[in-house]
Amino acid sequence: MPELPDVEIFRKRARKALNKKIKTVNIKQKKILKTSESTLRKHLNGNKFTGTSRHGKYLFMKINDGYLLALHFGMTGEISYYKKEKPKHIVLEMEVGDKYNFAVISIRKLGEIDITDNLKKFLKNKNLGKDALSINKKQFLKLTEKSKGSIKTFLMDQSKIAGIGNIYTDEILFQLGIHPKKKVEDLEEKELEKLFEKMKNVLKEAIKHSAIREKMPRNYLIKKRADLAHNKEKADKCPKCGGKIKNITVGGRSAYFCSKHQK
């Protein structure tokens, strides 16, 4: 599933479609619409996108009529801006400007396409917490005071902190040496402060490398995830300490961690 770094890259890519008249709107998968087809066309046809923003895993495209196109990418979604080489699995396609196209893609046909005129209300209705890159240390520590259960589950709870999913939760904990099953209440304040800083650093590092696994630092767990999933030889060796990478279930979600340095 696209997480905060991926959606931030999508946001930057979407800027290519700004300030260009939307000439046509082709809706190919109505089932992911969270608004009516007529409402979507009303706010897109003939208008322009004038800005972009992101909150957690949601991308917002500001429309010149004061509304916002809200996009969530489900498990396999992304966006594309192209002229001739049309991608596969398009769910929403818009012709913008001089024969260019801006499209939402989803292999599994999952995600959300919506229209809103009130971002604050939209986020509240979705029960989304502060964005992981916007939340400050004081707000983060206050959230931990009210939380119990595993630290992995805490970081993935979108109602607390929006944007972090399975992959980057594992990466943050891996880099800090914290076991994914460790309880929030068992972490000291200094450890929580380090966790806050590491959360920010890992997400920014991923954005710096365009969220491309192969470009991430050598000591990152994310570089090994695909190999681990396919049981490739020697893929279970920790890139930080040489320990064994194991896979367990935490809160119903898969978790990769090093059995040696994560305590």
C-alpha atoms as a PDB file:
ATOM      1  CA  MET A   1       0.000   0.000   0.000  1.00  0.00           C
ATOM      2  CA  PRO A   2       1.335   3.459  -0.852  1.00  0.00           C
ATOM      3  CA  GLU A   3       2.395   5.159   2.377  1.00  0.00           C
ATOM      4  CA  LEU A   4       3.293   8.748   3.202  1.00  0.00           C
ATOM      5  CA  PRO A   5       6.581   8.867   1.216  1.00  0.00           C
ATOM      6  CA  ASP A   6       4.918   7.354  -1.863  1.00  0.00           C
ATOM      7  CA  VAL A   7       1.999   9.789  -1.736  1.00  0.00           C
ATOM      8  CA  GLU A   8       4.399  12.710  -1.287  1.00  0.00           C
ATOM      9  CA  ILE A   9       6.137  11.622  -4.498  1.00  0.00           C
ATOM     10  CA  PHE A  10       2.719  11.389  -6.194  1.00  0.00           C
ATOM     11  CA  ARG A  11       1.976  14.922  -4.979  1.00  0.00           C
ATOM     12  CA  LYS A  12       5.151  16.269  -6.563  1.00  0.00           C
ATOM     13  CA  ARG A  13       4.366  14.427  -9.790  1.00  0.00           C
ATOM     14  CA  ALA A  14       0.824  15.843  -9.789  1.00  0.00           C
ATOM     15  CA  ARG A  15       2.161  19.396  -9.944  1.00  0.00           C
ATOM     16  CA  LYS A  16       2.748  18.870 -13.668  1.00  0.00           C
ATOM     17  CA  ALA A  17      -1.025  18.988 -14.131  1.00  0.00           C
ATOM     18  CA  LEU A  18      -1.504  22.360 -12.413  1.00  0.00           C
ATOM     19  CA  ASN A  19      -2.989  25.424 -14.116  1.00  0.00           C
ATOM     20  CA  LYS A  20      -4.074  23.494 -17.207  1.00  0.00           C
ATOM     21  CA  LYS A  21      -7.686  23.265 -18.317  1.00  0.00           C
ATOM     22  CA  ILE A  22      -9.308  19.892 -17.704  1.00  0.00           C
ATOM     23  CA  LYS A  23     -10.800  19.120 -21.117  1.00  0.00           C
ATOM     24  CA  THR A  24     -12.189  15.617 -20.599  1.00  0.00           C
ATOM     25  CA  VAL A  25     -12.963  13.356 -17.639  1.00  0.00           C
ATOM     26  CA  ASN A  26     -13.031   9.596 -18.210  1.00  0.00           C
ATOM     27  CA  ILE A  27     -14.272   7.572 -15.228  1.00  0.00           C
ATOM     28  CA  LYS A  28     -13.360   3.911 -15.753  1.00  0.00           C
ATOM     29  CA  GLN A  29     -14.047   2.471 -12.293  1.00  0.00           C
ATOM     30  CA  LYS A  30     -17.126   3.921 -10.647  1.00  0.00           C
ATOM     31  CA  LYS A  31     -16.909   1.604  -7.645  1.00  0.00           C
ATOM     32  CA  ILE A  32     -14.087   3.613  -6.056  1.00  0.00           C
ATOM     33  CA  LEU A  33     -15.997   6.896  -6.339  1.00  0.00           C
ATOM     34  CA  LYS A  34     -17.047   8.261  -2.949  1.00  0.00           C
ATOM     35  CA  THR A  35     -19.090  10.965  -4.651  1.00  0.00           C
ATOM     36  CA  SER A  36     -21.509  10.871  -7.566  1.00  0.00           C
ATOM     37  CA  GLU A  37     -20.236  10.783 -11.122  1.00  0.00           C
ATOM     38  CA  SER A  38     -22.151  13.985 -11.893  1.00  0.00           C
ATOM     39  CA  THR A  39     -20.577  15.809  -8.925  1.00  0.00           C
ATOM     40  CA  LEU A  40     -17.097  14.729  -9.975  1.00  0.00           C
ATOM     41  CA  ARG A  41     -17.635  15.899 -13.545  1.00  0.00           C
ATOM     42  CA  LYS A  42     -19.202  19.165 -12.363  1.00  0.00           C
ATOM     43  CA  HIS A  43     -16.087  20.164 -10.425  1.00  0.00           C
ATOM     44  CA  LEU A  44     -13.508  18.857 -12.913  1.00  0.00           C
ATOM     45  CA  ASN A  45     -14.784  19.517 -16.441  1.00  0.00           C
ATOM     46  CA  GLY A  46     -13.540  22.868 -17.731  1.00  0.00           C
ATOM     47  CA  ASN A  47     -11.765  23.746 -14.499  1.00  0.00           C
ATOM     48  CA  LYS A  48      -8.093  23.700 -13.481  1.00  0.00           C
ATOM     49  CA  PHE A  49      -6.056  22.242 -10.650  1.00  0.00           C
ATOM     50  CA  THR A  50      -4.338  25.113  -8.874  1.00  0.00           C
ATOM     51  CA  GLY A  51      -2.455  23.413  -6.034  1.00  0.00           C
ATOM     52  CA  THR A  52      -1.587  20.175  -4.265  1.00  0.00           C
ATOM     53  CA  SER A  53      -1.437  19.049  -0.656  1.00  0.00           C
ATOM     54  CA  ARG A  54      -1.137  15.804   1.278  1.00  0.00           C
ATOM     55  CA  HIS A  55      -2.315  14.487   4.627  1.00  0.00           C
ATOM     56  CA  GLY A  56      -1.146  11.036   5.594  1.00  0.00           C
ATOM     57  CA  LYS A  57      -1.911   8.730   2.681  1.00  0.00           C
ATOM     58  CA  TYR A  58      -4.350  11.159   1.029  1.00  0.00           C
ATOM     59  CA  LEU A  59      -3.476  13.423  -1.895  1.00  0.00           C
ATOM     60  CA  PHE A  60      -5.542  16.565  -2.463  1.00  0.00           C
ATOM     61  CA  MET A  61      -5.756  18.490  -5.729  1.00  0.00           C
ATOM     62  CA  LYS A  62      -7.103  22.018  -5.291  1.00  0.00           C
ATOM     63  CA  ILE A  63      -9.598  23.030  -7.984  1.00  0.00           C
ATOM     64  CA  ASN A  64     -10.101  26.637  -9.076  1.00  0.00           C
ATOM     65  CA  ASP A  65     -13.785  26.524  -7.994  1.00  0.00           C
ATOM     66  CA  GLY A  66     -12.729  26.171  -4.353  1.00  0.00           C
ATOM     67  CA  TYR A  67     -13.227  22.421  -4.074  1.00  0.00           C
ATOM     68  CA  LEU A  68     -10.658  19.647  -3.652  1.00  0.00           C
ATOM     69  CA  LEU A  69     -10.221  16.348  -5.446  1.00  0.00           C
ATOM     70  CA  ALA A  70      -9.352  13.823  -2.717  1.00  0.00           C
ATOM     71  CA  LEU A  71      -7.416  10.693  -3.680  1.00  0.00           C
ATOM     72  CA  HIS A  72      -6.543   7.599  -1.654  1.00  0.00           C
ATOM     73  CA  PHE A  73      -4.566   4.912  -3.447  1.00  0.00           C
ATOM     74  CA  GLY A  74      -5.651   1.703  -1.729  1.00  0.00           C
ATOM     75  CA  MET A  75      -3.210  -1.189  -2.037  1.00  0.00           C
ATOM     76  CA  THR A  76      -1.599  -0.582  -5.430  1.00  0.00           C
ATOM     77  CA  GLY A  77      -2.566   2.880  -6.644  1.00  0.00           C
ATOM     78  CA  GLU A  78      -0.489   5.699  -8.097  1.00  0.00           C
ATOM     79  CA  ILE A  79      -0.811   8.604 -10.519  1.00  0.00           C
ATOM     80  CA  SER A  80       0.568   9.145 -13.993  1.00  0.00           C
ATOM     81  CA  TYR A  81       1.079  12.203 -16.210  1.00  0.00           C
ATOM     82  CA  TYR A  82       1.625  11.331 -19.846  1.00  0.00           C
ATOM     83  CA  LYS A  83       1.044  12.288 -23.473  1.00  0.00           C
ATOM     84  CA  LYS A  84       1.265   9.129 -25.582  1.00  0.00           C
ATOM     85  CA  GLU A  85       2.338   6.117 -23.542  1.00  0.00           C
ATOM     86  CA  LYS A  86      -0.930   5.267 -21.841  1.00  0.00           C
ATOM     87  CA  PRO A  87      -0.487   3.172 -18.677  1.00  0.00           C
ATOM     88  CA  LYS A  88      -2.571   0.144 -17.752  1.00  0.00           C
ATOM     89  CA  HIS A  89      -5.152  -0.118 -14.958  1.00  0.00           C
ATOM     90  CA  ILE A  90      -6.504   3.446 -15.230  1.00  0.00           C
ATOM     91  CA  VAL A  91      -9.480   4.204 -12.970  1.00  0.00           C
ATOM     92  CA  LEU A  92      -9.756   7.954 -13.658  1.00  0.00           C
ATOM     93  CA  GLU A  93      -8.277   9.803 -16.638  1.00  0.00           C
ATOM     94  CA  MET A  94      -8.357  13.532 -17.358  1.00  0.00           C
ATOM     95  CA  GLU A  95      -7.049  15.304 -20.436  1.00  0.00           C
ATOM     96  CA  VAL A  96      -5.290  18.448 -19.248  1.00  0.00           C
ATOM     97  CA  GLY A  97      -3.701  21.211 -21.284  1.00  0.00           C
ATOM     98  CA  ASP A  98      -2.286  20.388 -24.701  1.00  0.00           C
ATOM     99  CA  LYS A  99      -3.094  16.686 -25.131  1.00  0.00           C
ATOM    100  CA  TYR A 100      -1.512  15.605 -21.849  1.00  0.00           C
ATOM    101  CA  ASN A 101      -3.302  13.243 -19.501  1.00  0.00           C
ATOM    102  CA  PHE A 102      -3.431  13.042 -15.717  1.00  0.00           C
ATOM    103  CA  ALA A 103      -4.595   9.643 -14.477  1.00  0.00           C
ATOM    104  CA  VAL A 104      -5.206   7.676 -11.318  1.00  0.00           C
ATOM    105  CA  ILE A 105      -4.071   4.060 -11.639  1.00  0.00           C
ATOM    106  CA  SER A 106      -5.026   1.061  -9.514  1.00  0.00           C
ATOM    107  CA  ILE A 107      -4.205  -2.551 -10.376  1.00  0.00           C
ATOM    108  CA  ARG A 108      -6.649  -3.936  -7.810  1.00  0.00           C
ATOM    109  CA  LYS A 109      -9.253  -1.234  -8.475  1.00  0.00           C
ATOM    110  CA  LEU A 110      -9.161  -0.129  -4.844  1.00  0.00           C
ATOM    111  CA  GLY A 111      -8.862   3.297  -3.272  1.00  0.00           C
ATOM    112  CA  GLU A 112     -11.025   6.408  -3.038  1.00  0.00           C
ATOM    113  CA  ILE A 113     -11.886   9.305  -5.323  1.00  0.00           C
ATOM    114  CA  ASP A 114     -13.890  12.055  -3.659  1.00  0.00           C
ATOM    115  CA  ILE A 115     -14.742  15.757  -3.806  1.00  0.00           C
ATOM    116  CA  THR A 116     -14.778  18.065  -0.778  1.00  0.00           C
ATOM    117  CA  ASP A 117     -14.967  21.776  -0.060  1.00  0.00           C
ATOM    118  CA  ASN A 118     -13.798  21.477   3.547  1.00  0.00           C
ATOM    119  CA  LEU A 119     -10.468  19.771   4.190  1.00  0.00           C
ATOM    120  CA  LYS A 120     -10.713  19.986   7.970  1.00  0.00           C
ATOM    121  CA  LYS A 121     -14.151  18.384   7.988  1.00  0.00           C
ATOM    122  CA  PHE A 122     -13.016  15.723   5.510  1.00  0.00           C
ATOM    123  CA  LEU A 123     -10.091  14.686   7.726  1.00  0.00           C
ATOM    124  CA  LYS A 124     -12.347  14.617  10.783  1.00  0.00           C
ATOM    125  CA  ASN A 125     -14.899  12.409   9.019  1.00  0.00           C
ATOM    126  CA  LYS A 126     -12.095  10.021   8.054  1.00  0.00           C
ATOM    127  CA  ASN A 127     -10.932   9.996  11.700  1.00  0.00           C
ATOM    128  CA  LEU A 128      -7.382  10.894  10.726  1.00  0.00           C
ATOM    129  CA  GLY A 129      -4.801  12.051  13.237  1.00  0.00           C
ATOM    130  CA  LYS A 130      -1.968  14.507  12.672  1.00  0.00           C
ATOM    131  CA  ASP A 131       0.197  13.918   9.620  1.00  0.00           C
ATOM    132  CA  ALA A 132       3.381  12.033  10.519  1.00  0.00           C
ATOM    133  CA  LEU A 133       5.584  14.803   9.111  1.00  0.00           C
ATOM    134  CA  SER A 134       3.536  17.627  10.632  1.00  0.00           C
ATOM    135  CA  ILE A 135       3.044  16.360  14.178  1.00  0.00           C
ATOM    136  CA  ASN A 136       5.395  17.926  16.737  1.00  0.00           C
ATOM    137  CA  LYS A 137       7.195  16.221  19.600  1.00  0.00           C
ATOM    138  CA  LYS A 138       4.811  17.466  22.286  1.00  0.00           C
ATOM    139  CA  GLN A 139       1.777  16.183  20.378  1.00  0.00           C
ATOM    140  CA  PHE A 140       3.500  12.853  19.726  1.00  0.00           C
ATOM    141  CA  LEU A 141       4.417  12.300  23.371  1.00  0.00           C
ATOM    142  CA  LYS A 142       0.896  13.203  24.472  1.00  0.00           C
ATOM    143  CA  LEU A 143      -0.497  10.511  22.177  1.00  0.00           C
ATOM    144  CA  THR A 144       1.790   7.895  23.704  1.00  0.00           C
ATOM    145  CA  GLU A 145       0.560   8.748  27.202  1.00  0.00           C
ATOM    146  CA  LYS A 146      -2.929   7.598  26.263  1.00  0.00           C
ATOM    147  CA  SER A 147      -1.837   4.518  24.328  1.00  0.00           C
ATOM    148  CA  LYS A 148      -1.380   0.888  25.258  1.00  0.00           C
ATOM    149  CA  GLY A 149      -0.434  -2.130  23.211  1.00  0.00           C
ATOM    150  CA  SER A 150       2.397  -2.726  20.761  1.00  0.00           C
ATOM    151  CA  ILE A 151       4.444   0.144  19.390  1.00  0.00           C
ATOM    152  CA  LYS A 152       3.920  -1.165  15.841  1.00  0.00           C
ATOM    153  CA  THR A 153       0.138  -0.986  16.220  1.00  0.00           C
ATOM    154  CA  PHE A 154       0.436   2.515  17.686  1.00  0.00           C
ATOM    155  CA  LEU A 155       2.485   3.835  14.755  1.00  0.00           C
ATOM    156  CA  MET A 156       0.073   2.325  12.231  1.00  0.00           C
ATOM    157  CA  ASP A 157      -3.064   3.726  13.866  1.00  0.00           C
ATOM    158  CA  GLN A 158      -4.217   6.362  11.356  1.00  0.00           C
ATOM    159  CA  SER A 159      -6.487   7.981  13.950  1.00  0.00           C
ATOM    160  CA  LYS A 160      -3.372   8.840  15.968  1.00  0.00           C
ATOM    161  CA  ILE A 161      -0.728   9.490  13.313  1.00  0.00           C
ATOM    162  CA  ALA A 162      -1.651   9.556   9.624  1.00  0.00           C
ATOM    163  CA  GLY A 163       0.621   8.246   6.907  1.00  0.00           C
ATOM    164  CA  ILE A 164       2.650   5.330   8.253  1.00  0.00           C
ATOM    165  CA  GLY A 165       1.825   1.803   7.138  1.00  0.00           C
ATOM    166  CA  ASN A 166       3.351  -1.629   7.492  1.00  0.00           C
ATOM    167  CA  ILE A 167       6.579  -1.055   5.573  1.00  0.00           C
ATOM    168  CA  TYR A 168       7.714   2.187   7.190  1.00  0.00           C
ATOM    169  CA  THR A 169       6.604   1.151  10.666  1.00  0.00           C
ATOM    170  CA  ASP A 170       8.939  -1.828  10.384  1.00  0.00           C
ATOM    171  CA  GLU A 171      11.716   0.404   9.037  1.00  0.00           C
ATOM    172  CA  ILE A 172      11.436   2.960  11.841  1.00  0.00           C
ATOM    173  CA  LEU A 173      11.561   0.274  14.528  1.00  0.00           C
ATOM    174  CA  PHE A 174      14.357  -1.584  12.735  1.00  0.00           C
ATOM    175  CA  GLN A 175      16.541   1.521  12.549  1.00  0.00           C
ATOM    176  CA  LEU A 176      15.947   2.295  16.218  1.00  0.00           C
ATOM    177  CA  GLY A 177      16.373  -1.282  17.467  1.00  0.00           C
ATOM    178  CA  ILE A 178      12.906  -1.599  19.015  1.00  0.00           C
ATOM    179  CA  HIS A 179      11.002  -4.890  18.836  1.00  0.00           C
ATOM    180  CA  PRO A 180       7.620  -4.452  17.068  1.00  0.00           C
ATOM    181  CA  LYS A 181       5.800  -6.198  19.931  1.00  0.00           C
ATOM    182  CA  LYS A 182       7.238  -3.919  22.597  1.00  0.00           C
ATOM    183  CA  LYS A 183       4.509  -2.117  24.527  1.00  0.00           C
ATOM    184  CA  VAL A 184       4.159   1.648  24.211  1.00  0.00           C
ATOM    185  CA  GLU A 185       3.860   1.950  27.987  1.00  0.00           C
ATOM    186  CA  ASP A 186       7.185   0.110  28.451  1.00  0.00           C
ATOM    187  CA  LEU A 187       9.160   2.722  26.523  1.00  0.00           C
ATOM    188  CA  GLU A 188      10.826   5.490  28.514  1.00  0.00           C
ATOM    189  CA  GLU A 189      10.378   9.125  27.506  1.00  0.00           C
ATOM    190  CA  LYS A 190      13.899   9.329  26.054  1.00  0.00           C
ATOM    191  CA  GLU A 191      13.158   6.274  23.900  1.00  0.00           C
ATOM    192  CA  LEU A 192       9.907   7.843  22.728  1.00  0.00           C
ATOM    193  CA  GLU A 193      11.721  11.067  21.851  1.00  0.00           C
ATOM    194  CA  LYS A 194      14.214   9.067  19.789  1.00  0.00           C
ATOM    195  CA  LEU A 195      11.316   7.246  18.150  1.00  0.00           C
ATOM    196  CA  PHE A 196       9.752  10.567  17.174  1.00  0.00           C
ATOM    197  CA  GLU A 197      13.001  11.774  15.589  1.00  0.00           C
ATOM    198  CA  LYS A 198      13.602   8.459  13.814  1.00  0.00           C
ATOM    199  CA  MET A 199      10.057   8.478  12.435  1.00  0.00           C
ATOM    200  CA  LYS A 200      10.686  11.866  10.830  1.00  0.00           C
ATOM    201  CA  ASN A 201      14.147  10.912   9.580  1.00  0.00           C
ATOM    202  CA  VAL A 202      13.086   7.632   7.959  1.00  0.00           C
ATOM    203  CA  LEU A 203      10.145   9.234   6.159  1.00  0.00           C
ATOM    204  CA  LYS A 204      12.277  12.133   4.904  1.00  0.00           C
ATOM    205  CA  GLU A 205      14.997   9.717   3.772  1.00  0.00           C
ATOM    206  CA  ALA A 206      12.438   7.734   1.798  1.00  0.00           C
ATOM    207  CA  ILE A 207      11.118  10.892   0.126  1.00  0.00           C
ATOM    208  CA  LYS A 208      14.691  11.952  -0.660  1.00  0.00           C
ATOM    209  CA  HIS A 209      15.125   8.696  -2.589  1.00  0.00           C
ATOM    210  CA  SER A 210      11.700   8.969  -4.274  1.00  0.00           C
ATOM    211  CA  ALA A 211      10.471   6.010  -2.174  1.00  0.00           C
ATOM    212  CA  ILE A 212      12.379   3.666  -4.498  1.00  0.00           C
ATOM    213  CA  ARG A 213      13.506   0.578  -2.579  1.00  0.00           C
ATOM    214  CA  GLU A 214      16.716   0.085  -4.554  1.00  0.00           C
ATOM    215  CA  LYS A 215      17.867   3.647  -3.859  1.00  0.00           C
ATOM    216  CA  MET A 216      17.445   3.482  -0.085  1.00  0.00           C
ATOM    217  CA  PRO A 217      20.503   3.329   2.223  1.00  0.00           C
ATOM    218  CA  ARG A 218      22.262  -0.031   2.402  1.00  0.00           C
ATOM    219  CA  ASN A 219      21.413  -0.558   6.059  1.00  0.00           C
ATOM    220  CA  TYR A 220      17.658  -0.206   5.478  1.00  0.00           C
ATOM    221  CA  LEU A 221      15.364  -3.178   5.952  1.00  0.00           C
ATOM    222  CA  ILE A 222      13.127  -2.067   3.085  1.00  0.00           C
ATOM    223  CA  LYS A 223      15.775  -3.146   0.571  1.00  0.00           C
ATOM    224  CA  LYS A 224      15.366  -6.754   1.736  1.00  0.00           C
ATOM    225  CA  ARG A 225      11.572  -6.994   2.061  1.00  0.00           C
ATOM    226  CA  ALA A 226      10.875  -8.248  -1.467  1.00  0.00           C
ATOM    227  CA  ASP A 227      13.640 -10.852  -1.235  1.00  0.00           C
ATOM    228  CA  LEU A 228      12.393 -11.951   2.173  1.00  0.00           C
ATOM    229  CA  ALA A 229       8.859 -12.330   0.857  1.00  0.00           C
ATOM    230  CA  HIS A 230      10.143 -14.612  -1.906  1.00  0.00           C
ATOM    231  CA  ASN A 231      12.448 -16.570   0.427  1.00  0.00           C
ATOM    232  CA  LYS A 232      15.560 -15.733  -1.544  1.00  0.00           C
ATOM    233  CA  GLU A 233      18.824 -17.221  -0.305  1.00  0.00           C
ATOM    234  CA  LYS A 234      20.628 -15.168   2.368  1.00  0.00           C
ATOM    235  CA  ALA A 235      17.850 -12.561   2.326  1.00  0.00           C
ATOM    236  CA  ASP A 236      17.288 -13.076   6.048  1.00  0.00           C
ATOM    237  CA  LYS A 237      20.646 -11.577   7.069  1.00  0.00           C
ATOM    238  CA  CYS A 238      20.320  -8.244   8.900  1.00  0.00           C
ATOM    239  CA  PRO A 239      22.082  -5.415   7.010  1.00  0.00           C
ATOM    240  CA  LYS A 240      22.950  -3.700  10.301  1.00  0.00           C
ATOM    241  CA  CYS A 241      24.287  -6.440  12.568  1.00  0.00           C
ATOM    242  CA  GLY A 242      24.265  -9.701  10.625  1.00  0.00           C
ATOM    243  CA  GLY A 243      21.501 -11.166  12.776  1.00  0.00           C
ATOM    244  CA  LYS A 244      18.524 -13.053  11.380  1.00  0.00           C
ATOM    245  CA  ILE A 245      15.522 -11.217   9.971  1.00  0.00           C
ATOM    246  CA  LYS A 246      12.301 -12.848  11.106  1.00  0.00           C
ATOM    247  CA  ASN A 247       8.646 -12.406  10.251  1.00  0.00           C
ATOM    248  CA  ILE A 248       5.894 -12.427  12.866  1.00  0.00           C
ATOM    249  CA  THR A 249       2.322 -11.183  13.185  1.00  0.00           C
ATOM    250  CA  VAL A 250       1.612  -8.134  15.346  1.00  0.00           C
ATOM    251  CA  GLY A 251      -1.934  -6.862  15.698  1.00  0.00           C
ATOM    252  CA  GLY A 252      -2.990  -8.900  12.697  1.00  0.00           C
ATOM    253  CA  ARG A 253      -0.249  -7.437  10.488  1.00  0.00           C
ATOM    254  CA  SER A 254       2.982  -8.921   9.207  1.00  0.00           C
ATOM    255  CA  ALA A 255       6.137  -7.553  10.861  1.00  0.00           C
ATOM    256  CA  TYR A 256       9.767  -7.980   9.787  1.00  0.00           C
ATOM    257  CA  PHE A 257      12.451  -7.427  12.409  1.00  0.00           C
ATOM    258  CA  CYS A 258      15.977  -8.426  13.410  1.00  0.00           C
ATOM    259  CA  SER A 259      15.978 -10.999  16.202  1.00  0.00           C
ATOM    260  CA  LYS A 260      19.421  -9.823  17.326  1.00  0.00           C
ATOM    261  CA  HIS A 261      19.407  -6.025  17.637  1.00  0.00           C
ATOM    262  CA  GLN A 262      15.698  -5.269  18.063  1.00  0.00           C
ATOM    263  CA  LYS A 263      14.742  -5.677  21.714  1.00  0.00           C
END
